[in-house]
Amino acid sequence: MTDLATRRRRTALFLFFLMPGLSISSWVTRTPDIRDRLGASTAEMGIVLFGLSVGSMLGVLGSGALVARLGTRPVMGGGTALVILGMGVIGGGTLWSSAPAVAAGLFLFGAGMGGSEVAVNIDGAEVERITGRTVLPTLHGFFSLGTVVGASIGILCTAVGFPAHWHLAAVAAVTVAVFAHALRAIPHGVGRAPAGGRAGGRGRSRRPAAWKDRRLLLIGGIVLTMALAEGAANDWLPLLMVDGHGMDPALGSAVYAGFAAAMTIGRFGGGLFIDRFGRAPVVRASAVSAALGLAVVVFSDNAVLAGVAVLLWGLGASLGFPLALSAAGDSGPDSAARVSLVAMIGYVAFLVGPPGLGFLGDHYGLRTAMTVVLAFVAVAVFLAPAVGTRRETRAASAPDAASPTACEHPSR
């Protein structure tokens, strides 16, 4: 693969991360208007939102097998197409005041986003191996950037009273154009397992072997803890600041915006620290930062101090997920299966963990519930050596001829 083709591919991956971030934040910022349009109660909106959770879970759990069968390009394309279709169905359901249609649109959206993001992570890990440069944190930074842009546009549309269904339709139209441009730069065949497996069925045994890899499971533990830290903030941070620290709703939303901004800064700037210090020290420092921020939010009664500490929480949570995916990609043979496995662990934690925190919060308060997240993040400090360093993992993976990416790595 030429340098120009690799650059185009990397840019396309940036766009594939930007699109779901833009789309999900557009939906989130218009939920009050959509709820009013549907005339739904809080309990009814919970049922509508369940479509997103079910779709996301099915997409994440099925993505690894689809990539192994078809490769990343069809899965990325099909998943993004479902995201666009889902946005259109949500807009139509809003226009027609149909809660079942909105729930169906959220199901399609979740299935597409869950499936395509795992495939994009696998493709991003492949680009890292080809270029020998840190790429995944920046890719995830574009998702965070998309959420900031989408939220800003959504807030503006809400302020001027622009109808939610036309807003979502416009986002879907823009996403179609970006999608058509980005898909052309993605090569065929990445991540696809050889037909029938290798060497008399060896390919069929790779996934169970990955589950038995101790280092890979430790990397999965890092992903689980950091994805939980991110998911908990995305689902509960505004309510945590309002109910737990007495902030007004507008200020609670502003604190969440600060968290998103810190995540974006951490992901765009993290590559410099990773290339200089290695992955393990950066993961350890990230876990310490997130744990410190969470501890202040949970145990301090000073609302201002808690709001500032959220920035440490966001910076700390920003790099754990992409760094662990990079480590999974060069932890052994069949990198696509390894990245898929670790990504699924992360997305399951991201989707399943926050609702569990809601159950605890209902009984003990959200601040107390967040001590669970704090405990998990603290564990990541001790798991950090599993990701190794950039230099160590690249040297270890260089002779791996069985990896599907090894044959494509240019000589340097």
Protein backbone atom coordinates (compact mmCIF):
# COMPACT_ATOMS: atom_id res chain seq x y z
CA MET A 1 0.00 0.00 0.00
CA THR A 2 1.43 3.38 -1.05
CA ASP A 3 1.95 6.25 1.37
CA LEU A 4 -0.74 8.28 -0.44
CA ALA A 5 -3.25 5.44 -0.18
CA THR A 6 -2.42 5.00 3.51
CA ARG A 7 -2.95 8.72 4.16
CA ARG A 8 -6.28 8.64 2.37
CA ARG A 9 -7.27 5.56 4.33
CA ARG A 10 -6.35 7.21 7.63
CA THR A 11 -8.37 10.31 6.71
CA ALA A 12 -11.33 8.11 5.80
CA LEU A 13 -11.12 6.42 9.20
CA PHE A 14 -11.16 9.83 10.86
CA LEU A 15 -14.44 10.50 9.05
CA PHE A 16 -15.86 7.09 10.02
CA PHE A 17 -15.31 8.05 13.67
CA LEU A 18 -16.61 11.59 13.21
CA MET A 19 -19.95 10.50 11.69
CA PRO A 20 -21.33 8.45 14.63
CA GLY A 21 -20.17 11.11 17.11
CA LEU A 22 -22.00 13.81 15.14
CA SER A 23 -25.10 11.63 14.82
CA ILE A 24 -25.40 10.44 18.43
CA SER A 25 -24.96 13.93 19.88
CA SER A 26 -27.55 15.30 17.44
CA TRP A 27 -30.05 12.79 18.82
CA VAL A 28 -29.11 13.39 22.46
CA THR A 29 -29.46 17.17 22.28
CA ARG A 30 -32.95 16.89 20.74
CA THR A 31 -34.35 14.26 23.14
CA PRO A 32 -36.39 16.83 25.16
CA ASP A 33 -38.06 18.10 21.97
CA ILE A 34 -38.60 14.56 20.68
CA ARG A 35 -40.09 13.51 24.02
CA ASP A 36 -42.52 16.43 23.89
CA ARG A 37 -43.40 15.63 20.28
CA LEU A 38 -44.15 12.02 21.25
CA GLY A 39 -45.99 13.03 24.41
CA ALA A 40 -44.06 10.31 26.23
CA SER A 41 -43.58 9.96 29.96
CA THR A 42 -40.18 9.28 31.50
CA ALA A 43 -40.98 5.55 31.72
CA GLU A 44 -42.13 5.50 28.09
CA MET A 45 -38.96 7.26 26.97
CA GLY A 46 -37.01 4.59 28.83
CA ILE A 47 -38.72 1.96 26.68
CA VAL A 48 -37.96 3.96 23.54
CA LEU A 49 -34.30 4.25 24.55
CA PHE A 50 -34.16 0.51 25.13
CA GLY A 51 -34.12 0.14 21.33
CA LEU A 52 -30.72 1.85 21.23
CA SER A 53 -29.27 -0.45 23.90
CA VAL A 54 -30.55 -3.65 22.27
CA GLY A 55 -29.36 -2.59 18.82
CA SER A 56 -25.94 -1.56 20.09
CA MET A 57 -25.45 -4.82 21.96
CA LEU A 58 -26.42 -6.95 18.96
CA GLY A 59 -24.16 -4.89 16.70
CA VAL A 60 -21.16 -5.22 19.00
CA LEU A 61 -21.61 -8.94 19.63
CA GLY A 62 -22.04 -9.78 15.95
CA SER A 63 -19.36 -7.52 14.52
CA GLY A 64 -16.37 -9.79 15.15
CA ALA A 65 -17.86 -12.72 13.24
CA LEU A 66 -18.95 -10.44 10.40
CA VAL A 67 -15.47 -8.95 10.05
CA ALA A 68 -13.91 -12.41 10.03
CA ARG A 69 -16.32 -13.47 7.30
CA LEU A 70 -16.53 -10.32 5.16
CA GLY A 71 -13.66 -8.01 6.18
CA THR A 72 -13.84 -4.54 7.71
CA ARG A 73 -14.96 -2.62 4.62
CA PRO A 74 -18.42 -4.23 4.19
CA VAL A 75 -19.07 -4.12 7.93
CA MET A 76 -18.07 -0.45 8.16
CA GLY A 77 -20.17 0.35 5.11
CA GLY A 78 -23.21 -1.63 6.22
CA GLY A 79 -23.00 -0.32 9.78
CA THR A 80 -22.74 3.31 8.73
CA ALA A 81 -25.64 2.83 6.30
CA LEU A 82 -27.73 1.55 9.24
CA VAL A 83 -26.73 4.62 11.28
CA ILE A 84 -27.93 6.89 8.46
CA LEU A 85 -31.14 4.89 7.99
CA GLY A 86 -31.73 4.95 11.72
CA MET A 87 -31.42 8.74 11.81
CA GLY A 88 -33.99 8.97 9.02
CA VAL A 89 -36.41 6.65 10.82
CA ILE A 90 -36.00 8.58 14.09
CA GLY A 91 -36.76 11.80 12.20
CA GLY A 92 -39.80 10.22 10.57
CA GLY A 93 -41.05 8.86 13.88
CA THR A 94 -40.67 12.32 15.40
CA LEU A 95 -42.60 13.91 12.52
CA TRP A 96 -45.40 11.35 12.87
CA SER A 97 -45.32 11.38 16.70
CA SER A 98 -44.75 7.61 16.65
CA ALA A 99 -42.84 6.21 19.63
CA PRO A 100 -42.49 2.72 18.05
CA ALA A 101 -40.93 4.27 14.94
CA VAL A 102 -38.44 6.25 17.04
CA ALA A 103 -37.55 3.09 19.00
CA ALA A 104 -37.09 1.18 15.71
CA GLY A 105 -34.84 3.97 14.41
CA LEU A 106 -32.76 3.85 17.58
CA PHE A 107 -32.44 0.07 17.20
CA LEU A 108 -31.09 0.48 13.65
CA PHE A 109 -28.82 3.30 14.77
CA GLY A 110 -27.42 1.27 17.67
CA ALA A 111 -26.87 -1.86 15.59
CA GLY A 112 -25.04 0.13 12.92
CA MET A 113 -22.88 2.09 15.35
CA GLY A 114 -21.98 -0.94 17.47
CA GLY A 115 -21.01 -3.05 14.48
CA SER A 116 -19.19 -0.43 12.45
CA GLU A 117 -17.10 0.96 15.32
CA VAL A 118 -15.56 -2.43 16.06
CA ALA A 119 -14.67 -2.76 12.37
CA VAL A 120 -13.20 0.76 12.27
CA ASN A 121 -11.07 -0.03 15.33
CA ILE A 122 -9.74 -3.15 13.60
CA ASP A 123 -8.92 -1.13 10.49
CA GLY A 124 -7.30 1.59 12.59
CA ALA A 125 -5.10 -0.96 14.35
CA GLU A 126 -4.06 -2.21 10.91
CA VAL A 127 -3.03 1.32 9.88
CA GLU A 128 -0.97 1.62 13.06
CA ARG A 129 0.90 -1.55 12.16
CA ILE A 130 1.50 -0.38 8.59
CA THR A 131 2.74 3.10 9.52
CA GLY A 132 4.37 2.33 12.89
CA ARG A 133 2.66 5.45 14.26
CA THR A 134 0.03 6.01 16.94
CA VAL A 135 -3.33 6.43 15.21
CA LEU A 136 -6.18 5.04 17.37
CA PRO A 137 -6.23 7.81 20.01
CA THR A 138 -6.64 10.42 17.25
CA LEU A 139 -9.36 8.31 15.62
CA HIS A 140 -11.29 8.24 18.89
CA GLY A 141 -10.58 11.96 19.19
CA PHE A 142 -12.59 12.50 16.02
CA PHE A 143 -15.55 10.69 17.63
CA SER A 144 -15.28 13.09 20.58
CA LEU A 145 -14.92 16.02 18.19
CA GLY A 146 -18.06 14.84 16.39
CA THR A 147 -19.98 14.83 19.67
CA VAL A 148 -18.85 18.39 20.45
CA VAL A 149 -19.80 19.65 16.97
CA GLY A 150 -23.11 17.79 16.96
CA ALA A 151 -24.01 18.99 20.44
CA SER A 152 -23.21 22.59 19.52
CA ILE A 153 -25.40 22.40 16.42
CA GLY A 154 -28.15 20.70 18.39
CA ILE A 155 -28.12 23.36 21.08
CA LEU A 156 -28.30 26.06 18.40
CA CYS A 157 -31.21 24.33 16.63
CA THR A 158 -33.03 24.00 19.94
CA ALA A 159 -32.46 27.68 20.75
CA VAL A 160 -33.94 28.89 17.45
CA GLY A 161 -36.79 26.36 17.52
CA PHE A 162 -35.69 24.43 14.42
CA PRO A 163 -37.84 21.26 14.17
CA ALA A 164 -36.05 18.16 15.43
CA HIS A 165 -37.13 15.98 12.50
CA TRP A 166 -35.66 18.38 9.94
CA HIS A 167 -32.50 18.69 12.03
CA LEU A 168 -32.02 14.91 12.07
CA ALA A 169 -32.81 14.68 8.36
CA ALA A 170 -30.14 17.29 7.62
CA VAL A 171 -27.57 15.39 9.70
CA ALA A 172 -28.45 12.19 7.83
CA ALA A 173 -28.02 13.95 4.48
CA VAL A 174 -24.61 15.34 5.44
CA THR A 175 -23.56 11.92 6.71
CA VAL A 176 -24.53 10.30 3.39
CA ALA A 177 -22.18 12.64 1.51
CA VAL A 178 -19.30 12.09 3.94
CA PHE A 179 -19.89 8.33 3.90
CA ALA A 180 -19.81 8.11 0.10
CA HIS A 181 -16.48 9.95 0.07
CA ALA A 182 -14.84 8.00 2.91
CA LEU A 183 -15.75 4.45 1.89
CA ARG A 184 -13.75 4.64 -1.36
CA ALA A 185 -10.45 4.85 0.55
CA ILE A 186 -11.00 1.68 2.62
CA PRO A 187 -9.34 -1.44 1.12
CA HIS A 188 -11.00 -4.82 0.78
CA GLY A 189 -10.07 -7.91 2.77
CA VAL A 190 -8.74 -6.42 6.02
CA GLY A 191 -9.60 -8.61 9.01
CA ARG A 192 -11.16 -11.37 6.93
CA ALA A 193 -10.25 -14.90 7.99
CA PRO A 194 -9.04 -17.27 5.22
CA ALA A 195 -11.80 -19.48 3.83
CA GLY A 196 -11.89 -22.75 5.72
CA GLY A 197 -9.13 -21.65 8.09
CA ARG A 198 -5.43 -22.42 7.76
CA ALA A 199 -3.57 -25.63 8.14
CA GLY A 200 -6.51 -27.92 8.44
CA GLY A 201 -8.80 -25.75 10.48
CA ARG A 202 -6.37 -23.76 12.57
CA GLY A 203 -8.39 -20.62 11.74
CA ARG A 204 -11.42 -22.03 13.57
CA SER A 205 -9.45 -22.31 16.81
CA ARG A 206 -8.06 -18.80 16.89
CA ARG A 207 -10.90 -17.14 18.77
CA PRO A 208 -10.88 -19.65 21.67
CA ALA A 209 -7.07 -19.33 21.78
CA ALA A 210 -7.43 -15.56 22.08
CA TRP A 211 -9.69 -15.99 25.10
CA LYS A 212 -6.94 -18.07 26.73
CA ASP A 213 -4.23 -15.45 26.16
CA ARG A 214 -3.48 -14.05 29.62
CA ARG A 215 -2.00 -10.80 28.35
CA LEU A 216 -4.97 -10.20 26.05
CA LEU A 217 -7.39 -10.73 28.93
CA LEU A 218 -5.47 -8.20 31.03
CA ILE A 219 -5.70 -5.74 28.14
CA GLY A 220 -9.43 -6.47 28.05
CA GLY A 221 -9.56 -5.62 31.74
CA ILE A 222 -8.05 -2.20 31.02
CA VAL A 223 -10.60 -1.59 28.27
CA LEU A 224 -13.44 -2.63 30.58
CA THR A 225 -12.43 -0.22 33.34
CA MET A 226 -11.79 2.78 31.09
CA ALA A 227 -14.90 2.21 28.97
CA LEU A 228 -16.93 2.08 32.17
CA ALA A 229 -15.41 5.40 33.27
CA GLU A 230 -16.37 7.00 29.93
CA GLY A 231 -19.83 5.43 29.77
CA ALA A 232 -20.66 6.42 33.33
CA ALA A 233 -19.91 10.06 32.53
CA ASN A 234 -21.86 10.01 29.29
CA ASP A 235 -24.97 8.62 30.97
CA TRP A 236 -24.90 10.12 34.44
CA LEU A 237 -22.57 13.10 34.75
CA PRO A 238 -25.18 15.91 34.37
CA LEU A 239 -27.50 14.21 36.88
CA LEU A 240 -24.54 13.46 39.15
CA MET A 241 -23.67 17.15 39.32
CA VAL A 242 -27.30 18.25 39.73
CA ASP A 243 -28.45 15.66 42.27
CA GLY A 244 -25.13 15.00 43.96
CA HIS A 245 -23.67 18.51 44.08
CA GLY A 246 -26.72 20.78 43.88
CA MET A 247 -25.88 22.42 40.55
CA ASP A 248 -28.64 23.80 38.34
CA PRO A 249 -29.34 21.81 35.16
CA ALA A 250 -27.63 24.28 32.83
CA LEU A 251 -24.42 24.21 34.86
CA GLY A 252 -24.59 20.42 35.08
CA SER A 253 -24.76 20.27 31.27
CA ALA A 254 -21.82 22.67 31.06
CA VAL A 255 -19.78 20.34 33.28
CA TYR A 256 -20.55 17.49 30.90
CA ALA A 257 -19.43 19.68 27.99
CA GLY A 258 -16.16 20.19 29.87
CA PHE A 259 -15.79 16.41 30.21
CA ALA A 260 -16.32 15.96 26.45
CA ALA A 261 -13.81 18.71 25.70
CA ALA A 262 -11.23 17.10 28.01
CA MET A 263 -11.76 13.76 26.27
CA THR A 264 -11.22 15.41 22.89
CA ILE A 265 -8.04 17.19 23.99
CA GLY A 266 -6.67 14.03 25.58
CA ARG A 267 -7.22 11.96 22.45
CA PHE A 268 -5.80 14.48 20.02
CA GLY A 269 -2.78 15.26 22.17
CA GLY A 270 -2.16 11.82 23.60
CA GLY A 271 -0.16 10.51 20.64
CA LEU A 272 2.77 12.77 21.50
CA PHE A 273 3.05 11.29 25.00
CA ILE A 274 2.54 7.73 23.77
CA ASP A 275 5.32 7.98 21.21
CA ARG A 276 7.67 9.54 23.78
CA PHE A 277 6.96 7.51 26.93
CA GLY A 278 5.29 4.32 25.69
CA ARG A 279 1.83 2.92 26.20
CA ALA A 280 2.14 1.44 29.71
CA PRO A 281 3.22 4.68 31.46
CA VAL A 282 0.50 6.64 29.63
CA VAL A 283 -2.20 4.13 30.59
CA ARG A 284 -1.02 4.23 34.21
CA ALA A 285 -1.01 8.04 34.26
CA SER A 286 -4.45 8.09 32.61
CA ALA A 287 -5.89 5.73 35.21
CA VAL A 288 -4.42 7.81 38.04
CA SER A 289 -5.90 10.98 36.53
CA ALA A 290 -9.34 9.43 36.10
CA ALA A 291 -9.26 7.93 39.60
CA LEU A 292 -8.23 11.25 41.16
CA GLY A 293 -10.98 13.11 39.33
CA LEU A 294 -13.59 10.53 40.32
CA ALA A 295 -12.44 10.55 43.95
CA VAL A 296 -12.89 14.32 44.19
CA VAL A 297 -16.33 14.16 42.52
CA VAL A 298 -17.45 11.38 44.86
CA PHE A 299 -15.99 12.52 48.19
CA SER A 300 -15.76 16.33 47.97
CA ASP A 301 -18.77 18.43 48.95
CA ASN A 302 -17.39 21.47 47.11
CA ALA A 303 -19.33 21.75 43.84
CA VAL A 304 -16.74 23.97 42.17
CA LEU A 305 -13.90 21.62 43.04
CA ALA A 306 -15.96 18.65 41.81
CA GLY A 307 -16.66 20.44 38.52
CA VAL A 308 -12.96 21.08 37.96
CA ALA A 309 -12.12 17.49 38.89
CA VAL A 310 -14.35 16.31 36.05
CA LEU A 311 -11.65 17.59 33.67
CA LEU A 312 -9.17 15.13 35.24
CA TRP A 313 -11.78 12.42 34.88
CA GLY A 314 -12.20 13.22 31.17
CA LEU A 315 -8.47 13.46 30.44
CA GLY A 316 -7.86 10.17 32.24
CA ALA A 317 -10.65 8.31 30.48
CA SER A 318 -9.66 9.55 27.02
CA LEU A 319 -6.76 7.24 26.17
CA GLY A 320 -7.37 3.93 27.93
CA PHE A 321 -9.71 2.48 25.31
CA PRO A 322 -7.73 3.35 22.13
CA LEU A 323 -4.39 2.47 23.72
CA ALA A 324 -5.62 -0.94 24.80
CA LEU A 325 -6.92 -1.59 21.29
CA SER A 326 -3.48 -0.74 19.89
CA ALA A 327 -1.89 -3.17 22.32
CA ALA A 328 -4.40 -5.89 21.42
CA GLY A 329 -3.60 -5.46 17.74
CA ASP A 330 0.06 -6.36 18.19
CA SER A 331 -0.24 -8.77 21.12
CA GLY A 332 -0.02 -11.88 18.93
CA PRO A 333 -1.18 -13.54 15.72
CA ASP A 334 -4.56 -12.77 14.11
CA SER A 335 -4.61 -9.13 15.18
CA ALA A 336 -8.10 -8.54 13.77
CA ALA A 337 -9.63 -11.19 16.05
CA ARG A 338 -7.71 -9.79 19.04
CA VAL A 339 -8.83 -6.20 18.45
CA SER A 340 -12.39 -7.43 17.89
CA LEU A 341 -12.39 -9.35 21.18
CA VAL A 342 -11.04 -6.44 23.23
CA ALA A 343 -13.31 -3.92 21.50
CA MET A 344 -16.35 -6.06 22.29
CA ILE A 345 -15.33 -6.18 25.96
CA GLY A 346 -15.07 -2.40 25.96
CA TYR A 347 -18.38 -1.76 24.25
CA VAL A 348 -20.22 -4.24 26.47
CA ALA A 349 -18.86 -2.41 29.53
CA PHE A 350 -19.78 0.92 27.94
CA LEU A 351 -23.37 -0.19 27.32
CA VAL A 352 -24.13 -2.50 30.26
CA GLY A 353 -22.24 -0.79 33.09
CA PRO A 354 -24.04 2.60 33.23
CA PRO A 355 -27.57 1.10 33.60
CA GLY A 356 -26.25 -0.93 36.54
CA LEU A 357 -24.98 2.28 38.09
CA GLY A 358 -28.48 3.69 37.73
CA PHE A 359 -29.84 0.82 39.83
CA LEU A 360 -27.24 1.49 42.54
CA GLY A 361 -27.85 5.22 42.32
CA ASP A 362 -31.57 4.75 42.83
CA HIS A 363 -30.88 2.95 46.12
CA TYR A 364 -27.75 4.67 47.45
CA GLY A 365 -27.33 7.90 45.47
CA LEU A 366 -25.28 8.55 42.35
CA ARG A 367 -22.19 9.74 44.22
CA THR A 368 -22.05 6.49 46.14
CA ALA A 369 -22.69 4.49 42.97
CA MET A 370 -19.66 6.12 41.34
CA THR A 371 -17.38 4.49 43.92
CA VAL A 372 -17.80 1.32 41.84
CA VAL A 373 -16.36 3.12 38.82
CA LEU A 374 -13.55 4.50 40.98
CA ALA A 375 -12.65 1.00 42.17
CA PHE A 376 -12.55 -0.34 38.61
CA VAL A 377 -10.39 2.52 37.37
CA ALA A 378 -7.95 2.02 40.26
CA VAL A 379 -7.45 -1.56 39.09
CA ALA A 380 -6.31 -0.26 35.69
CA VAL A 381 -3.28 1.32 37.38
CA PHE A 382 -2.00 -2.17 38.18
CA LEU A 383 -3.01 -3.69 34.82
CA ALA A 384 -1.12 -1.03 32.81
CA PRO A 385 2.04 -3.15 32.16
CA ALA A 386 -0.07 -5.48 29.99
CA VAL A 387 -0.18 -2.95 27.15
CA GLY A 388 3.63 -2.82 26.94
CA THR A 389 5.39 0.02 25.16
CA ARG A 390 5.23 1.01 21.51
CA ARG A 391 8.81 -0.09 20.91
CA GLU A 392 8.46 -3.41 22.75
CA THR A 393 5.21 -4.41 21.07
CA ARG A 394 6.36 -3.43 17.60
CA ALA A 395 9.54 -5.47 18.02
CA ALA A 396 7.57 -8.42 19.33
CA SER A 397 5.14 -8.34 16.42
CA ALA A 398 7.69 -7.87 13.63
CA PRO A 399 8.44 -11.57 13.00
CA ASP A 400 4.77 -12.57 13.20
CA ALA A 401 4.24 -13.93 9.71
CA ALA A 402 0.91 -15.46 10.64
CA SER A 403 -0.64 -12.07 11.22
CA PRO A 404 -2.79 -10.86 8.31
CA THR A 405 -1.12 -7.48 8.51
CA ALA A 406 2.48 -8.62 8.63
CA CYS A 407 2.69 -9.17 4.89
CA GLU A 408 1.49 -5.63 4.24
CA HIS A 409 3.89 -3.85 6.61
CA PRO A 410 6.34 -1.85 4.48
CA SER A 411 10.03 -2.37 5.12
CA ARG A 412 11.62 0.53 6.96
